[in-house]
Structure formats: C-alpha cells, structure tokens
Amino acid sequence: MKHSPQFLKLVSEAKTRVKETNVADVKQRIESGEKFLLVDVREDNEWANGHLPGAVHMGRGIIERDIETKVPETATKIVLYCGGGFRSALVADNLQKMGYTNAESMDGGWRGWTEAGLPTEKD
C-alpha cells in the first residue's frame, strides 16, 4: 500500500515517541507466558478476516474513546498491532498522551505475523 507523505510524516513522528516491538519478540513473549493485553486496532472487516490468537479488538476509530472503560489500569502492558505497524504506532502515541505507560506498537503487524507463518484465528 502506498501511503501519503503527510501520513508517513505523522507516523514517523509518533514512532520517535513510542516503544516498538516486533513479530518475533511478541511471539517469544506469548510462548514464554508473559502477561500482556494484545490489541488489534485494525478495522472491523480486517479483524473479521482473521487476527492473532488471544487478541482483543478495539479499532483505531474507537480505542481512545473506549480504552479507559476496557483497561482502567494505565500501567497495563499493552501490545498494539495493525496491518503493518503504522496505525498501531499512532494509537500507542495517543495512549501515552492519555497516561498509559506500557503501550507498545508491534512493527510488522498482521502482515509480518502472517508472512512468518504464525497462527491466526477467526471468531
């Protein structure tokens, strides 16, 4: 997908402020039993087509509105992912502004996960 220059600038700026992880790290953390909330921030139709096992869905359009009721504890470890790692970086940046101190964006996102042949699920 070709992204517009201003969107890429926005993402690039957000990535300077957020903690990023990657597909291999998240896989290892899941396998080791680390406790964190895995959040898919993609659109509803993307979620319906498949998602990472154990993930919850809070789309980019509503997560800032709903996060405080779904995850009231701002120190909760949260790993966010989207299609490739751009939208999740923007969400992580916004969550940090809202006081969430352990929000990370998974670089590579859904595409990186599926390209690595890792398991997915559908509801």
PDB file of N, CA and C in Angstrom:
ATOM      1  N   MET A   1       0.842  -1.187   0.000  1.00  0.00           N
ATOM      2  CA  MET A   1       0.000   0.000   0.000  1.00  0.00           C
ATOM      3  C   MET A   1       0.885   1.248   0.000  1.00  0.00           C
ATOM      4  N   LYS A   2       0.535   2.194  -0.848  1.00  0.00           N
ATOM      5  CA  LYS A   2       1.284   3.450  -0.900  1.00  0.00           C
ATOM      6  C   LYS A   2       0.597   4.457   0.016  1.00  0.00           C
ATOM      7  N   HIS A   3       1.351   4.965   0.974  1.00  0.00           N
ATOM      8  CA  HIS A   3       0.790   5.916   1.925  1.00  0.00           C
ATOM      9  C   HIS A   3       1.159   7.336   1.528  1.00  0.00           C
ATOM     10  N   SER A   4       0.296   8.264   1.900  1.00  0.00           N
ATOM     11  CA  SER A   4       0.535   9.670   1.583  1.00  0.00           C
ATOM     12  C   SER A   4       1.687  10.219   2.421  1.00  0.00           C
ATOM     13  N   PRO A   5       2.401  11.215   1.881  1.00  0.00           N
ATOM     14  CA  PRO A   5       3.562  11.779   2.591  1.00  0.00           C
ATOM     15  C   PRO A   5       3.223  12.338   3.972  1.00  0.00           C
ATOM     16  N   GLN A   6       2.099  13.002   4.120  1.00  0.00           N
ATOM     17  CA  GLN A   6       1.762  13.587   5.423  1.00  0.00           C
ATOM     18  C   GLN A   6       1.434  12.507   6.452  1.00  0.00           C
ATOM     19  N   PHE A   7       0.787  11.422   6.000  1.00  0.00           N
ATOM     20  CA  PHE A   7       0.531  10.308   6.903  1.00  0.00           C
ATOM     21  C   PHE A   7       1.846   9.698   7.358  1.00  0.00           C
ATOM     22  N   LEU A   8       2.756   9.477   6.427  1.00  0.00           N
ATOM     23  CA  LEU A   8       4.062   8.895   6.772  1.00  0.00           C
ATOM     24  C   LEU A   8       4.837   9.802   7.724  1.00  0.00           C
ATOM     25  N   LYS A   9       4.717  11.104   7.552  1.00  0.00           N
ATOM     26  CA  LYS A   9       5.373  12.056   8.457  1.00  0.00           C
ATOM     27  C   LYS A   9       4.784  11.934   9.863  1.00  0.00           C
ATOM     28  N   LEU A  10       3.463  11.856   9.934  1.00  0.00           N
ATOM     29  CA  LEU A  10       2.781  11.704  11.224  1.00  0.00           C
ATOM     30  C   LEU A  10       3.227  10.427  11.931  1.00  0.00           C
ATOM     31  N   VAL A  11       3.281   9.332  11.183  1.00  0.00           N
ATOM     32  CA  VAL A  11       3.704   8.046  11.745  1.00  0.00           C
ATOM     33  C   VAL A  11       5.156   8.116  12.188  1.00  0.00           C
ATOM     34  N   SER A  12       6.005   8.700  11.357  1.00  0.00           N
ATOM     35  CA  SER A  12       7.425   8.808  11.686  1.00  0.00           C
ATOM     36  C   SER A  12       7.636   9.579  12.986  1.00  0.00           C
ATOM     37  N   GLU A  13       6.901  10.656  13.161  1.00  0.00           N
ATOM     38  CA  GLU A  13       6.998  11.443  14.397  1.00  0.00           C
ATOM     39  C   GLU A  13       6.517  10.633  15.594  1.00  0.00           C
ATOM     40  N   ALA A  14       5.406   9.908  15.432  1.00  0.00           N
ATOM     41  CA  ALA A  14       4.877   9.087  16.533  1.00  0.00           C
ATOM     42  C   ALA A  14       5.880   8.015  16.923  1.00  0.00           C
ATOM     43  N   LYS A  15       6.540   7.411  15.932  1.00  0.00           N
ATOM     44  CA  LYS A  15       7.491   6.334  16.209  1.00  0.00           C
ATOM     45  C   LYS A  15       8.701   6.812  17.011  1.00  0.00           C
ATOM     46  N   THR A  16       8.979   8.106  17.004  1.00  0.00           N
ATOM     47  CA  THR A  16      10.080   8.621  17.829  1.00  0.00           C
ATOM     48  C   THR A  16       9.698   8.669  19.302  1.00  0.00           C
ATOM     49  N   ARG A  17       8.394   8.595  19.576  1.00  0.00           N
ATOM     50  CA  ARG A  17       7.910   8.745  20.954  1.00  0.00           C
ATOM     51  C   ARG A  17       7.415   7.454  21.587  1.00  0.00           C
ATOM     52  N   VAL A  18       7.229   6.403  20.794  1.00  0.00           N
ATOM     53  CA  VAL A  18       6.631   5.176  21.337  1.00  0.00           C
ATOM     54  C   VAL A  18       7.636   4.041  21.366  1.00  0.00           C
ATOM     55  N   LYS A  19       7.355   3.086  22.218  1.00  0.00           N
ATOM     56  CA  LYS A  19       8.165   1.867  22.255  1.00  0.00           C
ATOM     57  C   LYS A  19       7.628   0.926  21.188  1.00  0.00           C
ATOM     58  N   GLU A  20       8.543   0.376  20.398  1.00  0.00           N
ATOM     59  CA  GLU A  20       8.150  -0.585  19.378  1.00  0.00           C
ATOM     60  C   GLU A  20       8.727  -1.952  19.704  1.00  0.00           C
ATOM     61  N   THR A  21       7.986  -2.952  19.320  1.00  0.00           N
ATOM     62  CA  THR A  21       8.430  -4.324  19.405  1.00  0.00           C
ATOM     63  C   THR A  21       8.281  -4.907  18.006  1.00  0.00           C
ATOM     64  N   ASN A  22       8.534  -6.195  17.847  1.00  0.00           N
ATOM     65  CA  ASN A  22       8.393  -6.802  16.527  1.00  0.00           C
ATOM     66  C   ASN A  22       7.721  -8.163  16.651  1.00  0.00           C
ATOM     67  N   VAL A  23       7.424  -8.750  15.518  1.00  0.00           N
ATOM     68  CA  VAL A  23       6.696 -10.021  15.474  1.00  0.00           C
ATOM     69  C   VAL A  23       7.433 -11.117  16.251  1.00  0.00           C
ATOM     70  N   ALA A  24       8.720 -11.273  16.013  1.00  0.00           N
ATOM     71  CA  ALA A  24       9.485 -12.330  16.689  1.00  0.00           C
ATOM     72  C   ALA A  24       9.465 -12.149  18.202  1.00  0.00           C
ATOM     73  N   ASP A  25       9.582 -10.911  18.660  1.00  0.00           N
ATOM     74  CA  ASP A  25       9.574 -10.637  20.099  1.00  0.00           C
ATOM     75  C   ASP A  25       8.210 -10.964  20.702  1.00  0.00           C
ATOM     76  N   VAL A  26       7.150 -10.539  20.039  1.00  0.00           N
ATOM     77  CA  VAL A  26       5.799 -10.809  20.558  1.00  0.00           C
ATOM     78  C   VAL A  26       5.538 -12.318  20.599  1.00  0.00           C
ATOM     79  N   LYS A  27       5.926 -13.040  19.562  1.00  0.00           N
ATOM     80  CA  LYS A  27       5.780 -14.498  19.541  1.00  0.00           C
ATOM     81  C   LYS A  27       6.507 -15.119  20.730  1.00  0.00           C
ATOM     82  N   GLN A  28       7.735 -14.704  20.967  1.00  0.00           N
ATOM     83  CA  GLN A  28       8.528 -15.248  22.078  1.00  0.00           C
ATOM     84  C   GLN A  28       7.876 -14.918  23.418  1.00  0.00           C
ATOM     85  N   ARG A  29       7.373 -13.702  23.557  1.00  0.00           N
ATOM     86  CA  ARG A  29       6.738 -13.286  24.809  1.00  0.00           C
ATOM     87  C   ARG A  29       5.464 -14.085  25.074  1.00  0.00           C
ATOM     88  N   ILE A  30       4.697 -14.354  24.027  1.00  0.00           N
ATOM     89  CA  ILE A  30       3.493 -15.175  24.180  1.00  0.00           C
ATOM     90  C   ILE A  30       3.887 -16.586  24.607  1.00  0.00           C
ATOM     91  N   GLU A  31       4.876 -17.158  23.919  1.00  0.00           N
ATOM     92  CA  GLU A  31       5.314 -18.525  24.229  1.00  0.00           C
ATOM     93  C   GLU A  31       5.881 -18.646  25.634  1.00  0.00           C
ATOM     94  N   SER A  32       6.494 -17.582  26.142  1.00  0.00           N
ATOM     95  CA  SER A  32       7.070 -17.636  27.487  1.00  0.00           C
ATOM     96  C   SER A  32       6.025 -17.404  28.577  1.00  0.00           C
ATOM     97  N   GLY A  33       4.793 -17.074  28.168  1.00  0.00           N
ATOM     98  CA  GLY A  33       3.723 -16.881  29.144  1.00  0.00           C
ATOM     99  C   GLY A  33       3.641 -15.483  29.716  1.00  0.00           C
ATOM    100  N   GLU A  34       4.357 -14.538  29.124  1.00  0.00           N
ATOM    101  CA  GLU A  34       4.290 -13.156  29.613  1.00  0.00           C
ATOM    102  C   GLU A  34       2.852 -12.662  29.526  1.00  0.00           C
ATOM    103  N   LYS A  35       2.430 -11.940  30.543  1.00  0.00           N
ATOM    104  CA  LYS A  35       1.071 -11.420  30.585  1.00  0.00           C
ATOM    105  C   LYS A  35       1.045  -9.998  30.012  1.00  0.00           C
ATOM    106  N   PHE A  36       0.268  -9.840  28.946  1.00  0.00           N
ATOM    107  CA  PHE A  36       0.017  -8.515  28.383  1.00  0.00           C
ATOM    108  C   PHE A  36      -1.270  -8.580  27.581  1.00  0.00           C
ATOM    109  N   LEU A  37      -1.834  -7.427  27.321  1.00  0.00           N
ATOM    110  CA  LEU A  37      -3.049  -7.327  26.527  1.00  0.00           C
ATOM    111  C   LEU A  37      -2.644  -7.088  25.079  1.00  0.00           C
ATOM    112  N   LEU A  38      -3.044  -7.989  24.201  1.00  0.00           N
ATOM    113  CA  LEU A  38      -2.753  -7.886  22.776  1.00  0.00           C
ATOM    114  C   LEU A  38      -3.977  -7.276  22.106  1.00  0.00           C
ATOM    115  N   VAL A  39      -3.798  -6.102  21.499  1.00  0.00           N
ATOM    116  CA  VAL A  39      -4.930  -5.358  20.949  1.00  0.00           C
ATOM    117  C   VAL A  39      -4.757  -5.137  19.454  1.00  0.00           C
ATOM    118  N   ASP A  40      -5.747  -5.589  18.697  1.00  0.00           N
ATOM    119  CA  ASP A  40      -5.815  -5.378  17.253  1.00  0.00           C
ATOM    120  C   ASP A  40      -6.559  -4.067  17.023  1.00  0.00           C
ATOM    121  N   VAL A  41      -5.903  -3.096  16.388  1.00  0.00           N
ATOM    122  CA  VAL A  41      -6.510  -1.784  16.168  1.00  0.00           C
ATOM    123  C   VAL A  41      -6.986  -1.598  14.725  1.00  0.00           C
ATOM    124  N   ARG A  42      -7.025  -2.705  13.970  1.00  0.00           N
ATOM    125  CA  ARG A  42      -7.466  -2.617  12.586  1.00  0.00           C
ATOM    126  C   ARG A  42      -8.977  -2.406  12.505  1.00  0.00           C
ATOM    127  N   GLU A  43      -9.458  -2.200  11.295  1.00  0.00           N
ATOM    128  CA  GLU A  43     -10.886  -2.005  11.051  1.00  0.00           C
ATOM    129  C   GLU A  43     -11.651  -3.304  11.304  1.00  0.00           C
ATOM    130  N   ASP A  44     -12.960  -3.182  11.510  1.00  0.00           N
ATOM    131  CA  ASP A  44     -13.808  -4.338  11.795  1.00  0.00           C
ATOM    132  C   ASP A  44     -13.676  -5.433  10.736  1.00  0.00           C
ATOM    133  N   ASN A  45     -13.666  -5.049   9.459  1.00  0.00           N
ATOM    134  CA  ASN A  45     -13.593  -6.057   8.398  1.00  0.00           C
ATOM    135  C   ASN A  45     -12.243  -6.758   8.388  1.00  0.00           C
ATOM    136  N   GLU A  46     -11.173  -6.053   8.745  1.00  0.00           N
ATOM    137  CA  GLU A  46      -9.857  -6.686   8.827  1.00  0.00           C
ATOM    138  C   GLU A  46      -9.846  -7.712   9.962  1.00  0.00           C
ATOM    139  N   TRP A  47     -10.387  -7.334  11.109  1.00  0.00           N
ATOM    140  CA  TRP A  47     -10.483  -8.234  12.262  1.00  0.00           C
ATOM    141  C   TRP A  47     -11.277  -9.489  11.897  1.00  0.00           C
ATOM    142  N   ALA A  48     -12.413  -9.302  11.217  1.00  0.00           N
ATOM    143  CA  ALA A  48     -13.282 -10.423  10.863  1.00  0.00           C
ATOM    144  C   ALA A  48     -12.583 -11.419   9.938  1.00  0.00           C
ATOM    145  N   ASN A  49     -11.633 -10.953   9.154  1.00  0.00           N
ATOM    146  CA  ASN A  49     -10.911 -11.836   8.231  1.00  0.00           C
ATOM    147  C   ASN A  49      -9.805 -12.635   8.916  1.00  0.00           C
ATOM    148  N   GLY A  50      -9.523 -12.327  10.171  1.00  0.00           N
ATOM    149  CA  GLY A  50      -8.530 -13.061  10.938  1.00  0.00           C
ATOM    150  C   GLY A  50      -7.728 -12.136  11.828  1.00  0.00           C
ATOM    151  N   HIS A  51      -7.227 -12.700  12.913  1.00  0.00           N
ATOM    152  CA  HIS A  51      -6.454 -11.917  13.879  1.00  0.00           C
ATOM    153  C   HIS A  51      -5.524 -12.846  14.659  1.00  0.00           C
ATOM    154  N   LEU A  52      -4.670 -12.255  15.460  1.00  0.00           N
ATOM    155  CA  LEU A  52      -3.741 -13.035  16.265  1.00  0.00           C
ATOM    156  C   LEU A  52      -4.490 -13.739  17.387  1.00  0.00           C
ATOM    157  N   PRO A  53      -4.108 -14.972  17.705  1.00  0.00           N
ATOM    158  CA  PRO A  53      -4.749 -15.699  18.799  1.00  0.00           C
ATOM    159  C   PRO A  53      -4.642 -14.927  20.118  1.00  0.00           C
ATOM    160  N   GLY A  54      -5.762 -14.830  20.808  1.00  0.00           N
ATOM    161  CA  GLY A  54      -5.779 -14.169  22.108  1.00  0.00           C
ATOM    162  C   GLY A  54      -5.930 -12.658  22.053  1.00  0.00           C
ATOM    163  N   ALA A  55      -5.975 -12.098  20.854  1.00  0.00           N
ATOM    164  CA  ALA A  55      -6.104 -10.646  20.732  1.00  0.00           C
ATOM    165  C   ALA A  55      -7.533 -10.198  21.033  1.00  0.00           C
ATOM    166  N   VAL A  56      -7.653  -8.957  21.453  1.00  0.00           N
ATOM    167  CA  VAL A  56      -8.955  -8.299  21.565  1.00  0.00           C
ATOM    168  C   VAL A  56      -8.999  -7.218  20.496  1.00  0.00           C
ATOM    169  N   HIS A  57     -10.190  -6.830  20.108  1.00  0.00           N
ATOM    170  CA  HIS A  57     -10.342  -5.847  19.040  1.00  0.00           C
ATOM    171  C   HIS A  57     -10.853  -4.524  19.588  1.00  0.00           C
ATOM    172  N   MET A  58     -10.083  -3.489  19.371  1.00  0.00           N
ATOM    173  CA  MET A  58     -10.510  -2.113  19.627  1.00  0.00           C
ATOM    174  C   MET A  58      -9.951  -1.296  18.468  1.00  0.00           C
ATOM    175  N   GLY A  59     -10.778  -1.088  17.473  1.00  0.00           N
ATOM    176  CA  GLY A  59     -10.340  -0.402  16.265  1.00  0.00           C
ATOM    177  C   GLY A  59      -9.803   0.991  16.518  1.00  0.00           C
ATOM    178  N   ARG A  60      -8.952   1.418  15.626  1.00  0.00           N
ATOM    179  CA  ARG A  60      -8.317   2.731  15.712  1.00  0.00           C
ATOM    180  C   ARG A  60      -9.347   3.849  15.880  1.00  0.00           C
ATOM    181  N   GLY A  61     -10.504   3.676  15.303  1.00  0.00           N
ATOM    182  CA  GLY A  61     -11.523   4.720  15.386  1.00  0.00           C
ATOM    183  C   GLY A  61     -12.184   4.873  16.743  1.00  0.00           C
ATOM    184  N   ILE A  62     -12.050   3.873  17.612  1.00  0.00           N
ATOM    185  CA  ILE A  62     -12.771   3.926  18.890  1.00  0.00           C
ATOM    186  C   ILE A  62     -11.899   3.683  20.119  1.00  0.00           C
ATOM    187  N   ILE A  63     -10.663   3.260  19.933  1.00  0.00           N
ATOM    188  CA  ILE A  63      -9.872   2.843  21.094  1.00  0.00           C
ATOM    189  C   ILE A  63      -9.660   3.974  22.096  1.00  0.00           C
ATOM    190  N   GLU A  64      -9.397   5.163  21.605  1.00  0.00           N
ATOM    191  CA  GLU A  64      -9.186   6.267  22.546  1.00  0.00           C
ATOM    192  C   GLU A  64     -10.460   6.564  23.336  1.00  0.00           C
ATOM    193  N   ARG A  65     -11.602   6.352  22.713  1.00  0.00           N
ATOM    194  CA  ARG A  65     -12.881   6.577  23.391  1.00  0.00           C
ATOM    195  C   ARG A  65     -13.149   5.512  24.443  1.00  0.00           C
ATOM    196  N   ASP A  66     -12.790   4.247  24.134  1.00  0.00           N
ATOM    197  CA  ASP A  66     -13.203   3.115  24.970  1.00  0.00           C
ATOM    198  C   ASP A  66     -12.131   2.569  25.909  1.00  0.00           C
ATOM    199  N   ILE A  67     -10.887   2.940  25.729  1.00  0.00           N
ATOM    200  CA  ILE A  67      -9.788   2.302  26.467  1.00  0.00           C
ATOM    201  C   ILE A  67      -9.945   2.417  27.978  1.00  0.00           C
ATOM    202  N   GLU A  68     -10.397   3.558  28.469  1.00  0.00           N
ATOM    203  CA  GLU A  68     -10.468   3.742  29.917  1.00  0.00           C
ATOM    204  C   GLU A  68     -11.480   2.815  30.584  1.00  0.00           C
ATOM    205  N   THR A  69     -12.565   2.475  29.891  1.00  0.00           N
ATOM    206  CA  THR A  69     -13.535   1.558  30.489  1.00  0.00           C
ATOM    207  C   THR A  69     -13.079   0.107  30.331  1.00  0.00           C
ATOM    208  N   LYS A  70     -12.420  -0.219  29.236  1.00  0.00           N
ATOM    209  CA  LYS A  70     -11.963  -1.599  28.994  1.00  0.00           C
ATOM    210  C   LYS A  70     -10.656  -1.908  29.731  1.00  0.00           C
ATOM    211  N   VAL A  71      -9.782  -0.905  29.861  1.00  0.00           N
ATOM    212  CA  VAL A  71      -8.473  -1.086  30.510  1.00  0.00           C
ATOM    213  C   VAL A  71      -8.254   0.110  31.445  1.00  0.00           C
ATOM    214  N   PRO A  72      -8.882   0.075  32.624  1.00  0.00           N
ATOM    215  CA  PRO A  72      -8.785   1.228  33.521  1.00  0.00           C
ATOM    216  C   PRO A  72      -7.392   1.440  34.130  1.00  0.00           C
ATOM    217  N   GLU A  73      -6.622   0.371  34.262  1.00  0.00           N
ATOM    218  CA  GLU A  73      -5.296   0.461  34.883  1.00  0.00           C
ATOM    219  C   GLU A  73      -4.282   0.931  33.832  1.00  0.00           C
ATOM    220  N   THR A  74      -3.769   2.146  34.001  1.00  0.00           N
ATOM    221  CA  THR A  74      -2.886   2.747  32.988  1.00  0.00           C
ATOM    222  C   THR A  74      -1.497   2.124  32.923  1.00  0.00           C
ATOM    223  N   ALA A  75      -1.158   1.264  33.887  1.00  0.00           N
ATOM    224  CA  ALA A  75       0.145   0.587  33.846  1.00  0.00           C
ATOM    225  C   ALA A  75       0.060  -0.776  33.146  1.00  0.00           C
ATOM    226  N   THR A  76      -1.119  -1.163  32.679  1.00  0.00           N
ATOM    227  CA  THR A  76      -1.293  -2.447  31.999  1.00  0.00           C
ATOM    228  C   THR A  76      -0.352  -2.539  30.794  1.00  0.00           C
ATOM    229  N   LYS A  77       0.301  -3.693  30.650  1.00  0.00           N
ATOM    230  CA  LYS A  77       1.130  -3.925  29.458  1.00  0.00           C
ATOM    231  C   LYS A  77       0.204  -4.159  28.278  1.00  0.00           C
ATOM    232  N   ILE A  78       0.359  -3.326  27.247  1.00  0.00           N
ATOM    233  CA  ILE A  78      -0.480  -3.413  26.054  1.00  0.00           C
ATOM    234  C   ILE A  78       0.426  -3.492  24.835  1.00  0.00           C
ATOM    235  N   VAL A  79       0.197  -4.493  23.989  1.00  0.00           N
ATOM    236  CA  VAL A  79       0.878  -4.572  22.693  1.00  0.00           C
ATOM    237  C   VAL A  79      -0.186  -4.375  21.628  1.00  0.00           C
ATOM    238  N   LEU A  80      -0.001  -3.344  20.828  1.00  0.00           N
ATOM    239  CA  LEU A  80      -0.950  -2.975  19.783  1.00  0.00           C
ATOM    240  C   LEU A  80      -0.424  -3.418  18.431  1.00  0.00           C
ATOM    241  N   TYR A  81      -1.324  -3.870  17.569  1.00  0.00           N
ATOM    242  CA  TYR A  81      -0.895  -4.163  16.203  1.00  0.00           C
ATOM    243  C   TYR A  81      -1.981  -3.762  15.214  1.00  0.00           C
ATOM    244  N   CYS A  82      -1.542  -3.521  13.981  1.00  0.00           N
ATOM    245  CA  CYS A  82      -2.440  -3.196  12.881  1.00  0.00           C
ATOM    246  C   CYS A  82      -1.990  -3.995  11.680  1.00  0.00           C
ATOM    247  N   GLY A  83      -2.143  -3.466  10.495  1.00  0.00           N
ATOM    248  CA  GLY A  83      -1.736  -4.183   9.299  1.00  0.00           C
ATOM    249  C   GLY A  83      -0.237  -4.288   9.144  1.00  0.00           C
ATOM    250  N   GLY A  84       0.474  -3.206   9.475  1.00  0.00           N
ATOM    251  CA  GLY A  84       1.922  -3.205   9.277  1.00  0.00           C
ATOM    252  C   GLY A  84       2.717  -2.501  10.358  1.00  0.00           C
ATOM    253  N   GLY A  85       2.059  -1.769  11.236  1.00  0.00           N
ATOM    254  CA  GLY A  85       2.758  -1.099  12.321  1.00  0.00           C
ATOM    255  C   GLY A  85       2.642   0.414  12.319  1.00  0.00           C
ATOM    256  N   PHE A  86       1.888   0.958  11.378  1.00  0.00           N
ATOM    257  CA  PHE A  86       1.742   2.417  11.321  1.00  0.00           C
ATOM    258  C   PHE A  86       0.594   2.904  12.200  1.00  0.00           C
ATOM    259  N   ARG A  87      -0.594   2.355  12.001  1.00  0.00           N
ATOM    260  CA  ARG A  87      -1.737   2.775  12.824  1.00  0.00           C
ATOM    261  C   ARG A  87      -1.501   2.453  14.291  1.00  0.00           C
ATOM    262  N   SER A  88      -0.870   1.310  14.564  1.00  0.00           N
ATOM    263  CA  SER A  88      -0.614   0.943  15.963  1.00  0.00           C
ATOM    264  C   SER A  88       0.358   1.922  16.620  1.00  0.00           C
ATOM    265  N   ALA A  89       1.293   2.467  15.863  1.00  0.00           N
ATOM    266  CA  ALA A  89       2.205   3.476  16.410  1.00  0.00           C
ATOM    267  C   ALA A  89       1.434   4.745  16.766  1.00  0.00           C
ATOM    268  N   LEU A  90       0.499   5.132  15.909  1.00  0.00           N
ATOM    269  CA  LEU A  90      -0.321   6.318  16.200  1.00  0.00           C
ATOM    270  C   LEU A  90      -1.172   6.094  17.441  1.00  0.00           C
ATOM    271  N   VAL A  91      -1.740   4.894  17.576  1.00  0.00           N
ATOM    272  CA  VAL A  91      -2.545   4.584  18.758  1.00  0.00           C
ATOM    273  C   VAL A  91      -1.669   4.578  20.011  1.00  0.00           C
ATOM    274  N   ALA A  92      -0.501   3.953  19.943  1.00  0.00           N
ATOM    275  CA  ALA A  92       0.395   3.927  21.111  1.00  0.00           C
ATOM    276  C   ALA A  92       0.746   5.342  21.545  1.00  0.00           C
ATOM    277  N   ASP A  93       0.990   6.219  20.586  1.00  0.00           N
ATOM    278  CA  ASP A  93       1.302   7.612  20.891  1.00  0.00           C
ATOM    279  C   ASP A  93       0.135   8.271  21.622  1.00  0.00           C
ATOM    280  N   ASN A  94      -1.079   8.055  21.125  1.00  0.00           N
ATOM    281  CA  ASN A  94      -2.250   8.639  21.784  1.00  0.00           C
ATOM    282  C   ASN A  94      -2.474   8.054  23.172  1.00  0.00           C
ATOM    283  N   LEU A  95      -2.292   6.744  23.317  1.00  0.00           N
ATOM    284  CA  LEU A  95      -2.483   6.139  24.644  1.00  0.00           C
ATOM    285  C   LEU A  95      -1.475   6.692  25.643  1.00  0.00           C
ATOM    286  N   GLN A  96      -0.250   6.896  25.208  1.00  0.00           N
ATOM    287  CA  GLN A  96       0.755   7.512  26.099  1.00  0.00           C
ATOM    288  C   GLN A  96       0.288   8.896  26.531  1.00  0.00           C
ATOM    289  N   LYS A  97      -0.270   9.669  25.609  1.00  0.00           N
ATOM    290  CA  LYS A  97      -0.776  11.005  25.947  1.00  0.00           C
ATOM    291  C   LYS A  97      -1.911  10.916  26.954  1.00  0.00           C
ATOM    292  N   MET A  98      -2.610   9.778  26.963  1.00  0.00           N
ATOM    293  CA  MET A  98      -3.719   9.557  27.893  1.00  0.00           C
ATOM    294  C   MET A  98      -3.245   8.966  29.218  1.00  0.00           C
ATOM    295  N   GLY A  99      -1.940   8.747  29.371  1.00  0.00           N
ATOM    296  CA  GLY A  99      -1.408   8.262  30.639  1.00  0.00           C
ATOM    297  C   GLY A  99      -1.058   6.787  30.675  1.00  0.00           C
ATOM    298  N   TYR A 100      -1.233   6.064  29.587  1.00  0.00           N
ATOM    299  CA  TYR A 100      -0.870   4.646  29.547  1.00  0.00           C
ATOM    300  C   TYR A 100       0.647   4.531  29.377  1.00  0.00           C
ATOM    301  N   THR A 101       1.279   3.888  30.337  1.00  0.00           N
ATOM    302  CA  THR A 101       2.746   3.903  30.405  1.00  0.00           C
ATOM    303  C   THR A 101       3.411   2.674  29.807  1.00  0.00           C
ATOM    304  N   ASN A 102       2.641   1.640  29.461  1.00  0.00           N
ATOM    305  CA  ASN A 102       3.223   0.408  28.940  1.00  0.00           C
ATOM    306  C   ASN A 102       2.602  -0.006  27.610  1.00  0.00           C
ATOM    307  N   ALA A 103       2.320   0.957  26.751  1.00  0.00           N
ATOM    308  CA  ALA A 103       1.756   0.661  25.433  1.00  0.00           C
ATOM    309  C   ALA A 103       2.889   0.536  24.420  1.00  0.00           C
ATOM    310  N   GLU A 104       2.878  -0.548  23.651  1.00  0.00           N
ATOM    311  CA  GLU A 104       3.882  -0.783  22.614  1.00  0.00           C
ATOM    312  C   GLU A 104       3.195  -1.038  21.284  1.00  0.00           C
ATOM    313  N   SER A 105       3.874  -0.696  20.218  1.00  0.00           N
ATOM    314  CA  SER A 105       3.394  -0.954  18.869  1.00  0.00           C
ATOM    315  C   SER A 105       4.217  -2.089  18.258  1.00  0.00           C
ATOM    316  N   MET A 106       3.525  -3.070  17.657  1.00  0.00           N
ATOM    317  CA  MET A 106       4.230  -4.185  17.026  1.00  0.00           C
ATOM    318  C   MET A 106       4.528  -3.847  15.570  1.00  0.00           C
ATOM    319  N   ASP A 107       5.787  -3.541  15.288  1.00  0.00           N
ATOM    320  CA  ASP A 107       6.216  -3.270  13.930  1.00  0.00           C
ATOM    321  C   ASP A 107       6.061  -4.538  13.099  1.00  0.00           C
ATOM    322  N   GLY A 108       5.576  -4.396  11.900  1.00  0.00           N
ATOM    323  CA  GLY A 108       5.321  -5.545  11.041  1.00  0.00           C
ATOM    324  C   GLY A 108       3.861  -5.940  11.032  1.00  0.00           C
ATOM    325  N   GLY A 109       3.210  -5.804  12.189  1.00  0.00           N
ATOM    326  CA  GLY A 109       1.784  -6.022  12.309  1.00  0.00           C
ATOM    327  C   GLY A 109       1.292  -7.362  11.780  1.00  0.00           C
ATOM    328  N   TRP A 110       0.039  -7.352  11.350  1.00  0.00           N
ATOM    329  CA  TRP A 110      -0.628  -8.545  10.829  1.00  0.00           C
ATOM    330  C   TRP A 110       0.138  -9.141   9.655  1.00  0.00           C
ATOM    331  N   ARG A 111       0.607  -8.283   8.738  1.00  0.00           N
ATOM    332  CA  ARG A 111       1.339  -8.792   7.578  1.00  0.00           C
ATOM    333  C   ARG A 111       2.599  -9.527   8.004  1.00  0.00           C
ATOM    334  N   GLY A 112       3.351  -8.950   8.924  1.00  0.00           N
ATOM    335  CA  GLY A 112       4.563  -9.602   9.395  1.00  0.00           C
ATOM    336  C   GLY A 112       4.272 -10.922  10.088  1.00  0.00           C
ATOM    337  N   TRP A 113       3.193 -10.963  10.851  1.00  0.00           N
ATOM    338  CA  TRP A 113       2.797 -12.171  11.570  1.00  0.00           C
ATOM    339  C   TRP A 113       2.434 -13.277  10.584  1.00  0.00           C
ATOM    340  N   THR A 114       1.585 -12.955   9.609  1.00  0.00           N
ATOM    341  CA  THR A 114       1.139 -13.981   8.666  1.00  0.00           C
ATOM    342  C   THR A 114       2.258 -14.387   7.704  1.00  0.00           C
ATOM    343  N   GLU A 115       3.109 -13.436   7.318  1.00  0.00           N
ATOM    344  CA  GLU A 115       4.235 -13.777   6.442  1.00  0.00           C
ATOM    345  C   GLU A 115       5.218 -14.716   7.133  1.00  0.00           C
ATOM    346  N   ALA A 116       5.268 -14.650   8.471  1.00  0.00           N
ATOM    347  CA  ALA A 116       6.132 -15.553   9.239  1.00  0.00           C
ATOM    348  C   ALA A 116       5.472 -16.926   9.433  1.00  0.00           C
ATOM    349  N   GLY A 117       4.248 -17.072   8.939  1.00  0.00           N
ATOM    350  CA  GLY A 117       3.549 -18.351   9.046  1.00  0.00           C
ATOM    351  C   GLY A 117       3.039 -18.658  10.434  1.00  0.00           C
ATOM    352  N   LEU A 118       2.837 -17.629  11.248  1.00  0.00           N
ATOM    353  CA  LEU A 118       2.402 -17.835  12.628  1.00  0.00           C
ATOM    354  C   LEU A 118       0.890 -18.026  12.688  1.00  0.00           C
ATOM    355  N   PRO A 119       0.383 -18.650  13.745  1.00  0.00           N
ATOM    356  CA  PRO A 119      -1.040 -18.985  13.815  1.00  0.00           C
ATOM    357  C   PRO A 119      -1.943 -17.746  13.888  1.00  0.00           C
ATOM    358  N   THR A 120      -3.108 -17.892  13.299  1.00  0.00           N
ATOM    359  CA  THR A 120      -4.139 -16.859  13.352  1.00  0.00           C
ATOM    360  C   THR A 120      -5.446 -17.537  13.705  1.00  0.00           C
ATOM    361  N   GLU A 121      -6.459 -16.729  13.980  1.00  0.00           N
ATOM    362  CA  GLU A 121      -7.775 -17.274  14.268  1.00  0.00           C
ATOM    363  C   GLU A 121      -8.851 -16.336  13.743  1.00  0.00           C
ATOM    364  N   LYS A 122     -10.048 -16.880  13.621  1.00  0.00           N
ATOM    365  CA  LYS A 122     -11.237 -16.101  13.266  1.00  0.00           C
ATOM    366  C   LYS A 122     -12.298 -16.396  14.311  1.00  0.00           C
ATOM    367  N   ASP A 123     -13.122 -15.399  14.574  1.00  0.00           N
ATOM    368  CA  ASP A 123     -14.224 -15.626  15.533  1.00  0.00           C
ATOM    369  C   ASP A 123     -15.375 -16.320  14.857  1.00  0.00           C
TER     370      ASP A 123
END
